[in-house]
Amino acid sequence: MPLDLSNTWVVDISATALFDMSESDLIFKETFESDPDTAIQKYREFMLCDLISHFSNK
């Protein structure tokens, strides 16, 4: 049975609306051009390292 959201205000915010994704986008595109088979995995690793370093510096 689907969830009834008819009386609920749903807000969806894209990460690109909140954060500057240009650096990570560039890294993905460059990696995809040189190694399309592992580009997604390398991009995930970059994003996780960036996230961890962001929160560990606070």
Protein backbone atom coordinates (compact mmCIF):
# COMPACT_ATOMS: atom_id res chain seq x y z
CA MET A 1 0.00 0.00 0.00
CA PRO A 2 1.51 3.36 -1.01
CA LEU A 3 2.20 6.08 1.52
CA ASP A 4 -0.53 8.76 1.45
CA LEU A 5 1.10 12.20 1.27
CA SER A 6 -2.02 14.10 0.24
CA ASN A 7 -2.09 16.11 3.50
CA THR A 8 1.68 16.49 3.78
CA TRP A 9 3.96 19.21 2.52
CA VAL A 10 6.96 17.54 0.89
CA VAL A 11 10.11 19.55 0.18
CA ASP A 12 12.87 18.09 -1.96
CA ILE A 13 16.18 19.94 -2.08
CA SER A 14 18.93 18.97 -4.45
CA ALA A 15 22.49 18.77 -3.13
CA THR A 16 23.58 20.97 -6.03
CA ALA A 17 21.27 23.69 -4.72
CA LEU A 18 23.04 23.65 -1.36
CA PHE A 19 26.65 22.93 -2.22
CA ASP A 20 29.17 23.87 -4.89
CA MET A 21 29.61 20.57 -6.72
CA SER A 22 31.96 21.86 -9.43
CA GLU A 23 35.12 20.30 -7.95
CA SER A 24 33.58 16.87 -7.46
CA ASP A 25 31.92 17.05 -10.89
CA LEU A 26 35.28 17.83 -12.50
CA ILE A 27 36.93 14.92 -10.68
CA PHE A 28 34.22 12.53 -11.84
CA LYS A 29 34.38 13.71 -15.46
CA GLU A 30 38.17 13.49 -15.61
CA THR A 31 38.15 10.04 -14.02
CA PHE A 32 35.37 8.85 -16.31
CA GLU A 33 37.31 9.92 -19.40
CA SER A 34 40.44 8.06 -18.35
CA ASP A 35 38.86 5.04 -16.61
CA PRO A 36 35.08 4.70 -17.09
CA ASP A 37 34.96 1.27 -15.42
CA THR A 38 36.01 2.57 -12.00
CA ALA A 39 34.92 6.22 -12.20
CA ILE A 40 31.85 5.78 -9.98
CA GLN A 41 33.79 3.98 -7.25
CA LYS A 42 36.61 6.55 -7.29
CA TYR A 43 34.06 9.37 -7.15
CA ARG A 44 32.36 7.77 -4.12
CA GLU A 45 35.71 7.41 -2.37
CA PHE A 46 36.52 11.07 -3.06
CA MET A 47 33.15 12.21 -1.73
CA LEU A 48 33.44 10.07 1.42
CA CYS A 49 36.95 11.33 2.16
CA ASP A 50 35.81 14.90 1.60
CA LEU A 51 32.83 14.41 3.91
CA ILE A 52 34.93 12.78 6.63
CA SER A 53 37.56 15.50 6.49
CA HIS A 54 34.89 18.20 6.60
CA PHE A 55 33.34 16.88 9.80
CA SER A 56 36.60 15.85 11.50
CA ASN A 57 37.91 19.42 11.26
CA LYS A 58 35.06 20.85 13.33
